[in-house]
Amino acid sequence: MSKQGGLGDNFYVDGIDVSNDMGNLQTISTPRTNGVITGIDKYAFERKLLKRDGVISGQAHWNPAGAQLAFNDLPTADRIFSYFRGAAIGSPVASMVAKQINWDGSREAEGLFPFAFNAQANAYPLEWGEQLTVGKRTDTVATNGSSFDGGAATAFGAQFWLHLFAFTGTSVTIKIQDSADGAAWLDLAGATFGALSAVTALRIQLGLTDTVRRYMRVVTTGTFSNAVFAVQGTRNAHLVAF
């Protein structure tokens, strides 16, 4: 793949699209702690990687009807932050469950009024994955979405992330199906976000030894006339600990 810029990217917070208000994302990182386990037979430090973390920070333009509504309450509850690199199935995504630490305004000399935020992961690390929807997807009836080819089956579980931006109807169930050949599909056990009826953001996690077959797709069922949402899938390439 050729080198790319960051044009056309998107940023979502708890089912709110704040992409147009974001001036930049300064940090998207997964730092690791480490422990020193040096033996007396070594000539330098030996280190073992320990807990994973996650940080997303950035700056937004002042918009009282946009980013200000999404960030200014500084909620104490967990929030879900997602960075979508472009809008295409299979494109990279980074998401995390986090605490929003701040929302700091600064009046610049030129007259701009930017606000900075910092979010730090809580209980789970920041997780990179792939878009299973083309950025934001809009369904007006029950729909079988386009598939993503993961290249091969994996046997270490997966995590899935959802932002539901808008909804009209009784409820929508958003779930993941997998397939060995891209033709015969089955619901992926445990990969269902349930019957939803309001703007929300969710993370679900499969068992850490569950198999996910080569292909995945996002399916909607229910009684609704409008559901706007985005989904990330993160396969675990090896056994991980949370």
C-alpha atoms as a PDB file:
ATOM      1  CA  MET A   1       0.000   0.000   0.000  1.00  0.00           C
ATOM      2  CA  SER A   2       1.277   3.461  -0.874  1.00  0.00           C
ATOM      3  CA  LYS A   3       1.842   6.141   1.722  1.00  0.00           C
ATOM      4  CA  GLN A   4      -1.260   8.050   2.712  1.00  0.00           C
ATOM      5  CA  GLY A   5      -2.257  11.322   4.293  1.00  0.00           C
ATOM      6  CA  GLY A   6      -4.964  11.903   6.862  1.00  0.00           C
ATOM      7  CA  LEU A   7      -7.506  13.674   4.669  1.00  0.00           C
ATOM      8  CA  GLY A   8     -11.106  12.502   4.870  1.00  0.00           C
ATOM      9  CA  ASP A   9     -10.750  10.951   8.325  1.00  0.00           C
ATOM     10  CA  ASN A  10     -13.504  10.759  10.935  1.00  0.00           C
ATOM     11  CA  PHE A  11     -13.748  10.921  14.710  1.00  0.00           C
ATOM     12  CA  TYR A  12     -16.664   9.672  16.787  1.00  0.00           C
ATOM     13  CA  VAL A  13     -17.467  10.019  20.498  1.00  0.00           C
ATOM     14  CA  ASP A  14     -20.331   8.027  22.056  1.00  0.00           C
ATOM     15  CA  GLY A  15     -22.360   7.937  18.854  1.00  0.00           C
ATOM     16  CA  ILE A  16     -21.700  11.599  18.003  1.00  0.00           C
ATOM     17  CA  ASP A  17     -19.818  12.496  14.816  1.00  0.00           C
ATOM     18  CA  VAL A  18     -17.472  15.369  15.684  1.00  0.00           C
ATOM     19  CA  SER A  19     -15.276  14.959  12.584  1.00  0.00           C
ATOM     20  CA  ASN A  20     -16.059  18.374  11.108  1.00  0.00           C
ATOM     21  CA  ASP A  21     -15.146  20.162  14.342  1.00  0.00           C
ATOM     22  CA  MET A  22     -11.805  18.416  14.894  1.00  0.00           C
ATOM     23  CA  GLY A  23      -8.758  20.521  14.032  1.00  0.00           C
ATOM     24  CA  ASN A  24      -6.317  17.718  14.749  1.00  0.00           C
ATOM     25  CA  LEU A  25      -5.711  14.542  16.674  1.00  0.00           C
ATOM     26  CA  GLN A  26      -2.386  15.016  18.378  1.00  0.00           C
ATOM     27  CA  THR A  27      -1.985  11.562  19.906  1.00  0.00           C
ATOM     28  CA  ILE A  28      -3.340   8.095  19.153  1.00  0.00           C
ATOM     29  CA  SER A  29      -1.127   5.742  21.112  1.00  0.00           C
ATOM     30  CA  THR A  30      -0.952   2.405  22.876  1.00  0.00           C
ATOM     31  CA  PRO A  31       1.862   2.784  25.411  1.00  0.00           C
ATOM     32  CA  ARG A  32       3.103  -0.252  27.348  1.00  0.00           C
ATOM     33  CA  THR A  33       4.520  -0.525  30.833  1.00  0.00           C
ATOM     34  CA  ASN A  34       7.476  -2.819  31.342  1.00  0.00           C
ATOM     35  CA  GLY A  35       9.217  -4.592  34.171  1.00  0.00           C
ATOM     36  CA  VAL A  36      12.955  -5.040  34.540  1.00  0.00           C
ATOM     37  CA  ILE A  37      13.857  -8.746  34.861  1.00  0.00           C
ATOM     38  CA  THR A  38      17.608  -8.589  34.323  1.00  0.00           C
ATOM     39  CA  GLY A  39      19.631 -11.685  35.125  1.00  0.00           C
ATOM     40  CA  ILE A  40      23.192 -11.448  36.404  1.00  0.00           C
ATOM     41  CA  ASP A  41      24.446 -13.045  33.188  1.00  0.00           C
ATOM     42  CA  LYS A  42      23.271 -10.121  31.030  1.00  0.00           C
ATOM     43  CA  TYR A  43      25.225  -7.070  29.881  1.00  0.00           C
ATOM     44  CA  ALA A  44      22.195  -4.764  29.655  1.00  0.00           C
ATOM     45  CA  PHE A  45      18.668  -4.541  31.024  1.00  0.00           C
ATOM     46  CA  GLU A  46      16.174  -7.303  30.261  1.00  0.00           C
ATOM     47  CA  ARG A  47      12.607  -6.082  30.112  1.00  0.00           C
ATOM     48  CA  LYS A  48       9.208  -7.758  29.931  1.00  0.00           C
ATOM     49  CA  LEU A  49       6.221  -5.978  28.406  1.00  0.00           C
ATOM     50  CA  LEU A  50       3.341  -5.679  30.868  1.00  0.00           C
ATOM     51  CA  LYS A  51       0.052  -3.768  30.795  1.00  0.00           C
ATOM     52  CA  ARG A  52      -1.180  -1.985  27.666  1.00  0.00           C
ATOM     53  CA  ASP A  53      -2.754   1.456  27.812  1.00  0.00           C
ATOM     54  CA  GLY A  54      -4.362   3.909  25.422  1.00  0.00           C
ATOM     55  CA  VAL A  55      -4.376   7.662  24.836  1.00  0.00           C
ATOM     56  CA  ILE A  56      -6.214   9.857  22.352  1.00  0.00           C
ATOM     57  CA  SER A  57      -5.807  13.620  22.488  1.00  0.00           C
ATOM     58  CA  GLY A  58      -6.679  16.396  20.098  1.00  0.00           C
ATOM     59  CA  GLN A  59      -8.057  19.835  19.509  1.00  0.00           C
ATOM     60  CA  ALA A  60     -11.472  20.933  18.274  1.00  0.00           C
ATOM     61  CA  HIS A  61     -12.805  24.176  16.857  1.00  0.00           C
ATOM     62  CA  TRP A  62     -15.385  26.046  18.916  1.00  0.00           C
ATOM     63  CA  ASN A  63     -18.863  24.948  17.864  1.00  0.00           C
ATOM     64  CA  PRO A  64     -21.596  25.313  20.495  1.00  0.00           C
ATOM     65  CA  ALA A  65     -23.894  23.029  18.473  1.00  0.00           C
ATOM     66  CA  GLY A  66     -21.248  20.370  17.779  1.00  0.00           C
ATOM     67  CA  ALA A  67     -18.079  19.420  19.639  1.00  0.00           C
ATOM     68  CA  GLN A  68     -19.016  21.577  22.622  1.00  0.00           C
ATOM     69  CA  LEU A  69     -22.122  19.448  23.171  1.00  0.00           C
ATOM     70  CA  ALA A  70     -20.113  16.238  22.867  1.00  0.00           C
ATOM     71  CA  PHE A  71     -17.228  17.185  25.182  1.00  0.00           C
ATOM     72  CA  ASN A  72     -18.163  19.958  27.608  1.00  0.00           C
ATOM     73  CA  ASP A  73     -19.968  17.908  30.265  1.00  0.00           C
ATOM     74  CA  LEU A  74     -16.763  16.046  31.220  1.00  0.00           C
ATOM     75  CA  PRO A  75     -18.765  12.933  32.197  1.00  0.00           C
ATOM     76  CA  THR A  76     -17.319  10.680  34.875  1.00  0.00           C
ATOM     77  CA  ALA A  77     -18.636   7.556  33.132  1.00  0.00           C
ATOM     78  CA  ASP A  78     -16.658   5.695  30.483  1.00  0.00           C
ATOM     79  CA  ARG A  79     -16.823   7.022  26.928  1.00  0.00           C
ATOM     80  CA  ILE A  80     -16.036   5.371  23.607  1.00  0.00           C
ATOM     81  CA  PHE A  81     -13.701   7.243  21.245  1.00  0.00           C
ATOM     82  CA  SER A  82     -13.080   6.032  17.672  1.00  0.00           C
ATOM     83  CA  TYR A  83     -10.742   7.310  14.961  1.00  0.00           C
ATOM     84  CA  PHE A  84     -11.712   6.111  11.453  1.00  0.00           C
ATOM     85  CA  ARG A  85      -8.910   6.426   8.870  1.00  0.00           C
ATOM     86  CA  GLY A  86     -10.943   7.380   5.813  1.00  0.00           C
ATOM     87  CA  ALA A  87     -14.205   5.597   5.038  1.00  0.00           C
ATOM     88  CA  ALA A  88     -13.798   2.177   3.422  1.00  0.00           C
ATOM     89  CA  ILE A  89     -14.374  -1.394   4.520  1.00  0.00           C
ATOM     90  CA  GLY A  90     -11.062  -2.760   5.752  1.00  0.00           C
ATOM     91  CA  SER A  91      -9.516   0.667   6.453  1.00  0.00           C
ATOM     92  CA  PRO A  92      -7.858   1.127   9.865  1.00  0.00           C
ATOM     93  CA  VAL A  93      -9.764   2.178  12.990  1.00  0.00           C
ATOM     94  CA  ALA A  94      -8.583   2.872  16.532  1.00  0.00           C
ATOM     95  CA  SER A  95     -11.092   2.750  19.396  1.00  0.00           C
ATOM     96  CA  MET A  96     -10.992   2.722  23.160  1.00  0.00           C
ATOM     97  CA  VAL A  97     -13.120   2.837  26.272  1.00  0.00           C
ATOM     98  CA  ALA A  98     -11.798   5.848  28.133  1.00  0.00           C
ATOM     99  CA  LYS A  99     -12.166   8.613  30.658  1.00  0.00           C
ATOM    100  CA  GLN A 100     -12.261  12.133  29.252  1.00  0.00           C
ATOM    101  CA  ILE A 101      -9.769  14.071  31.352  1.00  0.00           C
ATOM    102  CA  ASN A 102     -10.228  17.668  30.219  1.00  0.00           C
ATOM    103  CA  TRP A 103     -11.802  20.150  27.802  1.00  0.00           C
ATOM    104  CA  ASP A 104      -9.544  23.204  27.847  1.00  0.00           C
ATOM    105  CA  GLY A 105     -10.257  26.323  25.825  1.00  0.00           C
ATOM    106  CA  SER A 106      -7.663  28.866  24.710  1.00  0.00           C
ATOM    107  CA  ARG A 107      -8.280  32.142  22.896  1.00  0.00           C
ATOM    108  CA  GLU A 108      -5.498  32.515  20.312  1.00  0.00           C
ATOM    109  CA  ALA A 109      -4.015  35.802  19.098  1.00  0.00           C
ATOM    110  CA  GLU A 110      -5.596  35.374  15.660  1.00  0.00           C
ATOM    111  CA  GLY A 111      -9.026  35.146  17.299  1.00  0.00           C
ATOM    112  CA  LEU A 112      -9.558  31.379  17.086  1.00  0.00           C
ATOM    113  CA  PHE A 113     -11.132  29.659  20.101  1.00  0.00           C
ATOM    114  CA  PRO A 114      -9.869  26.035  20.105  1.00  0.00           C
ATOM    115  CA  PHE A 115     -10.517  23.456  22.805  1.00  0.00           C
ATOM    116  CA  ALA A 116      -8.137  20.627  23.720  1.00  0.00           C
ATOM    117  CA  PHE A 117      -9.128  17.247  25.141  1.00  0.00           C
ATOM    118  CA  ASN A 118      -7.307  14.215  26.462  1.00  0.00           C
ATOM    119  CA  ALA A 119      -8.830  10.746  26.844  1.00  0.00           C
ATOM    120  CA  GLN A 120      -7.134   7.901  28.713  1.00  0.00           C
ATOM    121  CA  ALA A 121      -8.107   4.244  28.366  1.00  0.00           C
ATOM    122  CA  ASN A 122     -10.005   2.568  31.195  1.00  0.00           C
ATOM    123  CA  ALA A 123      -9.925  -1.212  31.835  1.00  0.00           C
ATOM    124  CA  TYR A 124      -9.087  -2.021  28.186  1.00  0.00           C
ATOM    125  CA  PRO A 125      -6.268  -0.720  25.956  1.00  0.00           C
ATOM    126  CA  LEU A 126      -6.708   1.247  22.765  1.00  0.00           C
ATOM    127  CA  GLU A 127      -7.415  -1.284  20.019  1.00  0.00           C
ATOM    128  CA  TRP A 128      -6.642  -0.990  16.323  1.00  0.00           C
ATOM    129  CA  GLY A 129      -8.849  -2.864  13.873  1.00  0.00           C
ATOM    130  CA  GLU A 130     -10.643  -2.628  10.539  1.00  0.00           C
ATOM    131  CA  GLN A 131     -13.785  -0.837   9.414  1.00  0.00           C
ATOM    132  CA  LEU A 132     -16.633  -3.278   8.850  1.00  0.00           C
ATOM    133  CA  THR A 133     -18.806  -0.451   7.488  1.00  0.00           C
ATOM    134  CA  VAL A 134     -17.912   2.248   4.980  1.00  0.00           C
ATOM    135  CA  GLY A 135     -17.480   4.825   7.706  1.00  0.00           C
ATOM    136  CA  LYS A 136     -21.072   5.715   8.658  1.00  0.00           C
ATOM    137  CA  ARG A 137     -23.617   3.346   7.108  1.00  0.00           C
ATOM    138  CA  THR A 138     -27.320   4.101   6.766  1.00  0.00           C
ATOM    139  CA  ASP A 139     -29.860   1.249   6.690  1.00  0.00           C
ATOM    140  CA  THR A 140     -33.566   1.893   6.107  1.00  0.00           C
ATOM    141  CA  VAL A 141     -34.525  -1.809   6.167  1.00  0.00           C
ATOM    142  CA  ALA A 142     -32.906  -5.012   7.408  1.00  0.00           C
ATOM    143  CA  THR A 143     -29.665  -5.326   5.436  1.00  0.00           C
ATOM    144  CA  ASN A 144     -26.784  -7.731   4.842  1.00  0.00           C
ATOM    145  CA  GLY A 145     -23.734  -5.512   4.530  1.00  0.00           C
ATOM    146  CA  SER A 146     -20.724  -5.908   2.249  1.00  0.00           C
ATOM    147  CA  SER A 147     -18.086  -8.337   3.469  1.00  0.00           C
ATOM    148  CA  PHE A 148     -14.540  -7.841   4.691  1.00  0.00           C
ATOM    149  CA  ASP A 149     -11.900 -10.426   3.768  1.00  0.00           C
ATOM    150  CA  GLY A 150      -9.587 -10.942   6.738  1.00  0.00           C
ATOM    151  CA  GLY A 151      -7.259 -13.151   4.707  1.00  0.00           C
ATOM    152  CA  ALA A 152      -7.572 -16.193   6.969  1.00  0.00           C
ATOM    153  CA  ALA A 153      -9.457 -17.494   9.972  1.00  0.00           C
ATOM    154  CA  THR A 154      -8.173 -16.617  13.446  1.00  0.00           C
ATOM    155  CA  ALA A 155      -8.524 -18.531  16.716  1.00  0.00           C
ATOM    156  CA  PHE A 156      -8.031 -15.951  19.466  1.00  0.00           C
ATOM    157  CA  GLY A 157     -11.356 -14.136  19.619  1.00  0.00           C
ATOM    158  CA  ALA A 158     -12.191 -10.590  18.585  1.00  0.00           C
ATOM    159  CA  GLN A 159     -13.610  -7.293  19.808  1.00  0.00           C
ATOM    160  CA  PHE A 160     -16.260  -5.238  18.037  1.00  0.00           C
ATOM    161  CA  TRP A 161     -17.144  -1.566  18.444  1.00  0.00           C
ATOM    162  CA  LEU A 162     -20.351   0.241  17.468  1.00  0.00           C
ATOM    163  CA  HIS A 163     -21.454   3.863  17.207  1.00  0.00           C
ATOM    164  CA  LEU A 164     -25.188   4.320  16.552  1.00  0.00           C
ATOM    165  CA  PHE A 165     -25.580   7.950  15.445  1.00  0.00           C
ATOM    166  CA  ALA A 166     -29.282   8.176  14.587  1.00  0.00           C
ATOM    167  CA  PHE A 167     -32.301   5.918  14.790  1.00  0.00           C
ATOM    168  CA  THR A 168     -35.988   5.946  13.850  1.00  0.00           C
ATOM    169  CA  GLY A 169     -38.234   2.994  14.570  1.00  0.00           C
ATOM    170  CA  THR A 170     -38.882   0.386  17.251  1.00  0.00           C
ATOM    171  CA  SER A 171     -35.446  -1.241  17.480  1.00  0.00           C
ATOM    172  CA  VAL A 172     -32.491  -2.377  15.405  1.00  0.00           C
ATOM    173  CA  THR A 173     -30.269  -5.372  16.126  1.00  0.00           C
ATOM    174  CA  ILE A 174     -26.770  -4.977  14.707  1.00  0.00           C
ATOM    175  CA  LYS A 175     -24.702  -8.165  14.553  1.00  0.00           C
ATOM    176  CA  ILE A 176     -21.624  -9.675  12.943  1.00  0.00           C
ATOM    177  CA  GLN A 177     -21.704 -12.731  10.712  1.00  0.00           C
ATOM    178  CA  ASP A 178     -18.686 -14.715   9.527  1.00  0.00           C
ATOM    179  CA  SER A 179     -18.021 -17.076   6.655  1.00  0.00           C
ATOM    180  CA  ALA A 180     -15.298 -19.422   5.448  1.00  0.00           C
ATOM    181  CA  ASP A 181     -15.912 -18.702   1.762  1.00  0.00           C
ATOM    182  CA  GLY A 182     -17.815 -15.399   1.550  1.00  0.00           C
ATOM    183  CA  ALA A 183     -20.954 -17.239   0.421  1.00  0.00           C
ATOM    184  CA  ALA A 184     -22.356 -19.230   3.356  1.00  0.00           C
ATOM    185  CA  TRP A 185     -22.883 -17.028   6.409  1.00  0.00           C
ATOM    186  CA  LEU A 186     -23.662 -17.675  10.077  1.00  0.00           C
ATOM    187  CA  ASP A 187     -24.128 -15.361  13.049  1.00  0.00           C
ATOM    188  CA  LEU A 188     -20.864 -15.056  14.964  1.00  0.00           C
ATOM    189  CA  ALA A 189     -21.647 -16.243  18.496  1.00  0.00           C
ATOM    190  CA  GLY A 190     -21.468 -13.395  20.998  1.00  0.00           C
ATOM    191  CA  ALA A 191     -21.084 -10.711  18.311  1.00  0.00           C
ATOM    192  CA  THR A 192     -24.515  -9.089  18.628  1.00  0.00           C
ATOM    193  CA  PHE A 193     -25.115  -5.564  19.921  1.00  0.00           C
ATOM    194  CA  GLY A 194     -28.711  -6.317  20.905  1.00  0.00           C
ATOM    195  CA  ALA A 195     -31.960  -4.477  20.183  1.00  0.00           C
ATOM    196  CA  LEU A 196     -31.099  -0.770  20.178  1.00  0.00           C
ATOM    197  CA  SER A 197     -33.402   2.209  19.930  1.00  0.00           C
ATOM    198  CA  ALA A 198     -31.310   5.294  20.729  1.00  0.00           C
ATOM    199  CA  VAL A 199     -27.947   6.907  20.039  1.00  0.00           C
ATOM    200  CA  THR A 200     -25.248   4.908  21.796  1.00  0.00           C
ATOM    201  CA  ALA A 201     -21.742   3.438  21.570  1.00  0.00           C
ATOM    202  CA  LEU A 202     -20.791  -0.073  22.652  1.00  0.00           C
ATOM    203  CA  ARG A 203     -17.921  -2.556  22.816  1.00  0.00           C
ATOM    204  CA  ILE A 204     -18.349  -6.343  22.840  1.00  0.00           C
ATOM    205  CA  GLN A 205     -15.682  -8.982  23.299  1.00  0.00           C
ATOM    206  CA  LEU A 206     -15.680 -12.627  22.244  1.00  0.00           C
ATOM    207  CA  GLY A 207     -13.971 -15.425  24.139  1.00  0.00           C
ATOM    208  CA  LEU A 208     -10.195 -15.301  23.765  1.00  0.00           C
ATOM    209  CA  THR A 209     -10.068 -18.752  22.161  1.00  0.00           C
ATOM    210  CA  ASP A 210     -13.062 -18.270  19.823  1.00  0.00           C
ATOM    211  CA  THR A 211     -12.587 -18.829  16.099  1.00  0.00           C
ATOM    212  CA  VAL A 212     -13.480 -16.074  13.650  1.00  0.00           C
ATOM    213  CA  ARG A 213     -13.684 -17.273  10.072  1.00  0.00           C
ATOM    214  CA  ARG A 214     -12.038 -15.513   7.147  1.00  0.00           C
ATOM    215  CA  TYR A 215     -14.884 -13.214   6.076  1.00  0.00           C
ATOM    216  CA  MET A 216     -17.031 -10.913   8.215  1.00  0.00           C
ATOM    217  CA  ARG A 217     -20.013  -8.693   7.510  1.00  0.00           C
ATOM    218  CA  VAL A 218     -22.421  -6.474   9.482  1.00  0.00           C
ATOM    219  CA  VAL A 219     -26.104  -7.404   9.389  1.00  0.00           C
ATOM    220  CA  THR A 220     -29.115  -5.452  10.665  1.00  0.00           C
ATOM    221  CA  THR A 221     -32.549  -6.780  11.621  1.00  0.00           C
ATOM    222  CA  GLY A 222     -35.533  -5.226  13.381  1.00  0.00           C
ATOM    223  CA  THR A 223     -38.321  -2.729  12.812  1.00  0.00           C
ATOM    224  CA  PHE A 224     -36.924   0.631  11.761  1.00  0.00           C
ATOM    225  CA  SER A 225     -36.851   3.173   8.950  1.00  0.00           C
ATOM    226  CA  ASN A 226     -33.462   4.755   9.658  1.00  0.00           C
ATOM    227  CA  ALA A 227     -30.333   3.502  11.418  1.00  0.00           C
ATOM    228  CA  VAL A 228     -27.021   5.318  10.971  1.00  0.00           C
ATOM    229  CA  PHE A 229     -24.044   3.511  12.467  1.00  0.00           C
ATOM    230  CA  ALA A 230     -20.372   2.560  12.162  1.00  0.00           C
ATOM    231  CA  VAL A 231     -18.673  -0.691  13.217  1.00  0.00           C
ATOM    232  CA  GLN A 232     -15.078  -1.686  13.913  1.00  0.00           C
ATOM    233  CA  GLY A 233     -13.790  -5.251  14.123  1.00  0.00           C
ATOM    234  CA  THR A 234     -10.540  -6.210  15.855  1.00  0.00           C
ATOM    235  CA  ARG A 235      -9.288  -9.763  15.427  1.00  0.00           C
ATOM    236  CA  ASN A 236      -6.735 -10.974  17.961  1.00  0.00           C
ATOM    237  CA  ALA A 237      -3.739 -12.395  16.108  1.00  0.00           C
ATOM    238  CA  HIS A 238      -2.560 -14.208  19.250  1.00  0.00           C
ATOM    239  CA  LEU A 239      -3.745 -14.919  22.768  1.00  0.00           C
ATOM    240  CA  VAL A 240      -4.099 -11.636  24.644  1.00  0.00           C
ATOM    241  CA  ALA A 241      -4.929 -10.691  28.210  1.00  0.00           C
ATOM    242  CA  PHE A 242      -7.288  -7.863  29.208  1.00  0.00           C
END
